[in-house]
Amino acid sequence: MVSEPLGTPGSPKSLPLILARELASNLATPMFLLDVGGMLVFYNDAAAMLLGRSFAELGEIPSGEFGEALHLATPDGIPIRRRDSPAGIAYFERRPAHQTLLATTFQGARRQFEATAYPLFGATGEMHGVVAVFWEASEAREP
């Protein structure tokens, strides 16, 4: 069972988000979760290692603030609006998305990431939030 709060303060906890957090907590793949209200409600230790700050240090924040802190951009350095990032597309358009992005870590390092996000729907089709996985992009790609 998840011991820390999940979701916007005072809101009921979403079982799909609780289960997604449990999954993320047990993966070595960097992953973060947004709730249906657009709050960043969790990211795992693997994500913390890439971003340079643990979720316990950052805490729940609006996804817009999280995106602004990372200074998201295209690989060419063109800034990306939150709604145009994979997590933004999954949240606003309710569909999966993948993109290569530049992001600034909390230590100020600029890194290139691959990111995939998808909406998290419940058994009856209601949206519960967004699940995003990401990883540092390698310079050379293997066939």
Protein backbone atom coordinates (compact mmCIF):
# COMPACT_ATOMS: atom_id res chain seq x y z
CA MET A 1 0.00 0.00 0.00
CA VAL A 2 1.16 3.53 -0.77
CA SER A 3 1.87 5.50 2.39
CA GLU A 4 2.34 8.99 0.97
CA PRO A 5 -0.63 11.04 -0.28
CA LEU A 6 -1.48 10.78 -3.95
CA GLY A 7 -3.64 13.25 -5.84
CA THR A 8 -4.53 16.82 -5.18
CA PRO A 9 -4.79 17.71 -1.49
CA GLY A 10 -8.15 16.71 -0.08
CA SER A 11 -9.17 14.69 -3.16
CA PRO A 12 -10.03 11.01 -3.02
CA LYS A 13 -7.17 8.73 -4.07
CA SER A 14 -7.54 7.12 -7.49
CA LEU A 15 -6.98 3.36 -7.46
CA PRO A 16 -5.43 3.39 -10.97
CA LEU A 17 -2.97 6.09 -9.83
CA ILE A 18 -2.15 4.17 -6.66
CA LEU A 19 -1.47 1.05 -8.72
CA ALA A 20 0.59 3.03 -11.27
CA ARG A 21 2.65 4.48 -8.42
CA GLU A 22 3.25 1.01 -7.02
CA LEU A 23 4.41 -0.13 -10.47
CA ALA A 24 6.67 2.92 -10.91
CA SER A 25 8.17 2.41 -7.45
CA ASN A 26 9.33 -1.06 -8.48
CA LEU A 27 10.79 -0.19 -11.89
CA ALA A 28 14.27 0.87 -12.94
CA THR A 29 12.66 2.82 -15.80
CA PRO A 30 12.29 6.55 -15.03
CA MET A 31 8.58 7.29 -14.68
CA PHE A 32 6.34 10.07 -13.44
CA LEU A 33 2.61 10.40 -12.80
CA LEU A 34 0.18 13.27 -13.20
CA ASP A 35 -3.29 13.14 -11.68
CA VAL A 36 -6.50 14.10 -13.46
CA GLY A 37 -6.14 17.65 -12.10
CA GLY A 38 -2.72 18.10 -13.74
CA MET A 39 -0.64 17.74 -10.56
CA LEU A 40 2.68 15.93 -10.60
CA VAL A 41 1.88 13.34 -7.92
CA PHE A 42 4.93 11.06 -8.11
CA TYR A 43 8.16 10.16 -9.82
CA ASN A 44 10.32 7.17 -9.03
CA ASP A 45 13.94 6.87 -7.90
CA ALA A 46 15.11 6.16 -11.46
CA ALA A 47 13.59 9.49 -12.57
CA ALA A 48 15.16 11.23 -9.57
CA MET A 49 18.60 9.97 -10.61
CA LEU A 50 18.20 11.56 -14.06
CA LEU A 51 16.50 14.75 -12.86
CA GLY A 52 18.80 15.31 -9.91
CA ARG A 53 16.21 15.69 -7.15
CA SER A 54 14.07 13.15 -5.32
CA PHE A 55 10.30 13.36 -5.35
CA ALA A 56 10.39 13.64 -1.55
CA GLU A 57 12.42 16.87 -1.93
CA LEU A 58 10.18 18.33 -4.65
CA GLY A 59 6.74 17.09 -3.58
CA GLU A 60 3.51 17.42 -5.45
CA ILE A 61 3.43 20.43 -7.76
CA PRO A 62 1.36 21.53 -10.76
CA SER A 63 2.66 19.88 -13.92
CA GLY A 64 3.17 23.33 -15.46
CA GLU A 65 5.67 24.23 -12.75
CA PHE A 66 7.42 20.89 -13.21
CA GLY A 67 7.69 21.46 -16.98
CA GLU A 68 8.89 25.04 -16.51
CA ALA A 69 11.60 23.90 -14.10
CA LEU A 70 12.92 21.48 -16.73
CA HIS A 71 12.99 24.08 -19.55
CA LEU A 72 11.72 21.60 -22.13
CA ALA A 73 12.83 22.15 -25.73
CA THR A 74 13.19 20.34 -29.04
CA PRO A 75 16.58 18.78 -29.83
CA ASP A 76 17.28 22.01 -31.78
CA GLY A 77 16.71 24.08 -28.63
CA ILE A 78 13.28 25.50 -29.52
CA PRO A 79 11.18 25.79 -26.31
CA ILE A 80 8.17 23.49 -26.08
CA ARG A 81 4.88 24.48 -24.48
CA ARG A 82 3.70 22.07 -21.79
CA ARG A 83 0.70 21.08 -23.88
CA ASP A 84 3.02 20.09 -26.76
CA SER A 85 5.19 17.74 -24.66
CA PRO A 86 4.30 14.03 -24.59
CA ALA A 87 2.74 14.40 -21.12
CA GLY A 88 0.80 17.47 -22.28
CA ILE A 89 -0.51 15.67 -25.35
CA ALA A 90 -1.54 12.67 -23.24
CA TYR A 91 -3.26 14.98 -20.75
CA PHE A 92 -4.96 17.49 -23.06
CA GLU A 93 -5.61 15.31 -26.12
CA ARG A 94 -6.16 12.04 -24.23
CA ARG A 95 -3.81 10.09 -26.52
CA PRO A 96 -0.31 8.57 -26.27
CA ALA A 97 2.67 10.56 -27.52
CA HIS A 98 6.43 10.15 -27.90
CA GLN A 99 9.10 12.77 -28.50
CA THR A 100 12.82 13.48 -28.19
CA LEU A 101 13.33 16.47 -25.87
CA LEU A 102 16.02 18.55 -24.25
CA ALA A 103 15.55 19.15 -20.53
CA THR A 104 17.55 20.87 -17.84
CA THR A 105 18.10 18.80 -14.71
CA PHE A 106 17.76 20.31 -11.25
CA GLN A 107 21.60 20.58 -11.19
CA GLY A 108 21.53 22.66 -14.37
CA ALA A 109 22.79 20.00 -16.82
CA ARG A 110 21.14 20.05 -20.24
CA ARG A 111 20.33 16.50 -21.43
CA GLN A 112 18.49 14.89 -24.30
CA PHE A 113 15.68 12.50 -23.37
CA GLU A 114 13.23 10.23 -25.12
CA ALA A 115 9.80 10.51 -23.51
CA THR A 116 6.60 8.53 -23.95
CA ALA A 117 3.37 9.40 -22.17
CA TYR A 118 -0.11 7.98 -22.23
CA PRO A 119 -3.39 8.77 -20.52
CA LEU A 120 -4.37 6.50 -17.64
CA PHE A 121 -8.00 5.43 -18.08
CA GLY A 122 -10.03 3.46 -15.56
CA ALA A 123 -12.13 0.36 -16.23
CA THR A 124 -15.17 2.44 -17.21
CA GLY A 125 -13.21 4.83 -19.44
CA GLU A 126 -12.76 7.74 -17.01
CA MET A 127 -9.40 9.46 -17.05
CA HIS A 128 -7.31 9.22 -13.89
CA GLY A 129 -4.15 10.98 -15.06
CA VAL A 130 -1.04 10.47 -17.16
CA VAL A 131 1.82 8.01 -16.98
CA ALA A 132 5.11 9.12 -18.55
CA VAL A 133 8.29 7.12 -19.01
CA PHE A 134 11.54 8.67 -20.16
CA TRP A 135 15.19 7.81 -20.59
CA GLU A 136 18.35 9.60 -21.55
CA ALA A 137 18.81 9.46 -25.32
CA SER A 138 22.04 7.97 -26.54
CA GLU A 139 24.17 9.83 -29.05
CA ALA A 140 24.74 6.82 -31.29
CA ARG A 141 21.87 4.55 -32.13
CA GLU A 142 22.40 0.85 -32.59
CA PRO A 143 20.52 -0.90 -35.41
